Amino acid sequence: MAVAGRHGSISAFISGVLFLAVWLHMARGVQSQSCSAKLTNLTTCASYVVPGANEGRPSTQCCSALSDMDRDCLCSTLLIVAQLPNQCGLSAISCPVIIPVSGTLLIVK
């Protein structure tokens, strides 16, 4: 039961980050309204990006929203999210590089 509560709060956090990314795009004017709308559609993928979640394969809705994304919009959003800790006066986050290779993920630390 505690796991479900924790999983729910992590999903809420991920949804919040996606909402914040959309808000940042609108506030900064980095991308068009089309980009913001497409980012909002990615909330269907929230349960698949939570660390430790075992949701299996992404839903058709998630895959459709991802395939509809503009690469520049998605990359700009990820760059903005990566800058948030610094803008909030927090330590930078260093993540490993993950490279998909023949259906497997290669993690480079």
Protein backbone atom coordinates (compact mmCIF):
# COMPACT_ATOMS: atom_id res chain seq x y z
CA MET A 1 0.00 0.00 0.00
CA ALA A 2 2.85 2.37 0.80
CA VAL A 3 4.36 1.59 -2.57
CA ALA A 4 1.17 2.65 -4.36
CA GLY A 5 1.12 5.94 -2.44
CA ARG A 6 4.74 6.59 -3.25
CA HIS A 7 4.23 5.64 -6.90
CA GLY A 8 1.27 8.03 -7.08
CA SER A 9 3.27 10.93 -5.63
CA ILE A 10 6.13 10.26 -8.07
CA SER A 11 3.64 10.28 -10.96
CA ALA A 12 2.26 13.56 -9.65
CA PHE A 13 5.82 14.94 -9.52
CA ILE A 14 6.51 13.87 -13.11
CA SER A 15 3.22 15.44 -14.24
CA GLY A 16 4.23 18.60 -12.37
CA VAL A 17 7.60 18.68 -14.16
CA LEU A 18 5.85 18.27 -17.51
CA PHE A 19 3.44 21.07 -16.57
CA LEU A 20 6.37 23.26 -15.50
CA ALA A 21 8.13 22.59 -18.80
CA VAL A 22 5.00 23.65 -20.68
CA TRP A 23 4.71 26.77 -18.53
CA LEU A 24 8.37 27.65 -19.09
CA HIS A 25 7.90 27.39 -22.83
CA MET A 26 4.89 29.68 -22.71
CA ALA A 27 6.54 32.18 -20.34
CA ARG A 28 9.82 32.35 -22.24
CA GLY A 29 8.36 32.17 -25.71
CA VAL A 30 11.01 29.54 -26.58
CA GLN A 31 8.62 27.52 -28.73
CA SER A 32 5.27 28.09 -30.36
CA GLN A 33 1.91 27.20 -28.84
CA SER A 34 2.06 24.02 -30.92
CA CYS A 35 5.08 22.85 -28.90
CA SER A 36 3.30 23.53 -25.61
CA ALA A 37 0.23 21.59 -26.73
CA LYS A 38 2.36 18.64 -27.80
CA LEU A 39 4.23 18.68 -24.47
CA THR A 40 0.90 18.56 -22.65
CA ASN A 41 0.03 15.42 -24.63
CA LEU A 42 3.13 13.73 -23.18
CA THR A 43 1.46 13.50 -19.76
CA THR A 44 0.11 10.17 -21.02
CA CYS A 45 3.70 8.92 -20.75
CA ALA A 46 4.19 9.98 -17.10
CA SER A 47 3.75 6.49 -15.63
CA TYR A 48 6.42 5.12 -17.99
CA VAL A 49 9.16 7.58 -17.04
CA VAL A 50 8.97 7.15 -13.26
CA PRO A 51 12.13 5.37 -12.05
CA GLY A 52 11.25 1.91 -10.77
CA ALA A 53 7.84 1.84 -12.46
CA ASN A 54 7.11 -1.46 -14.12
CA GLU A 55 4.41 -0.46 -16.55
CA GLY A 56 5.55 -2.69 -19.39
CA ARG A 57 5.36 -1.24 -22.88
CA PRO A 58 4.15 2.35 -23.28
CA SER A 59 0.51 2.82 -24.22
CA THR A 60 -0.59 3.60 -27.77
CA GLN A 61 -1.51 7.10 -26.57
CA CYS A 62 1.99 7.66 -25.17
CA CYS A 63 3.68 6.41 -28.35
CA SER A 64 1.39 8.53 -30.48
CA ALA A 65 2.11 11.67 -28.41
CA LEU A 66 5.85 10.98 -28.62
CA SER A 67 5.78 10.39 -32.37
CA ASP A 68 3.90 13.68 -32.79
CA MET A 69 6.65 15.62 -30.95
CA ASP A 70 8.90 17.97 -32.82
CA ARG A 71 12.54 17.11 -32.06
CA ASP A 72 13.48 20.79 -31.47
CA CYS A 73 10.58 21.23 -29.06
CA LEU A 74 11.51 18.13 -27.07
CA CYS A 75 15.23 18.94 -26.98
CA SER A 76 14.60 22.56 -25.94
CA THR A 77 12.35 21.35 -23.13
CA LEU A 78 14.96 18.91 -21.86
CA LEU A 79 17.61 21.65 -21.90
CA ILE A 80 15.35 23.98 -19.93
CA VAL A 81 14.57 21.25 -17.38
CA ALA A 82 18.31 20.52 -17.03
CA GLN A 83 18.92 24.20 -16.18
CA LEU A 84 16.27 24.35 -13.43
CA PRO A 85 18.50 23.26 -10.52
CA ASN A 86 21.02 26.01 -11.32
CA GLN A 87 18.27 28.61 -11.68
CA CYS A 88 16.89 27.53 -8.30
CA GLY A 89 20.31 27.80 -6.64
CA LEU A 90 20.69 24.01 -6.32
CA SER A 91 23.57 21.73 -7.23
CA ALA A 92 23.73 20.60 -10.84
CA ILE A 93 22.38 17.15 -11.61
CA SER A 94 24.75 14.81 -13.39
CA CYS A 95 23.09 11.89 -15.13
CA PRO A 96 24.65 9.05 -17.08
CA VAL A 97 24.36 9.07 -20.84
CA ILE A 98 22.01 6.37 -22.11
CA ILE A 99 22.50 5.20 -25.69
CA PRO A 100 20.05 2.78 -27.32
CA VAL A 101 22.00 0.07 -29.16
CA SER A 102 20.16 -2.74 -31.00
CA GLY A 103 17.19 -2.79 -28.63
CA THR A 104 19.39 -2.55 -25.50
CA LEU A 105 20.34 0.50 -23.46
CA LEU A 106 24.04 1.23 -23.06
CA ILE A 107 24.68 3.37 -19.95
CA VAL A 108 27.83 5.52 -19.96
CA LYS A 109 28.65 7.13 -16.61
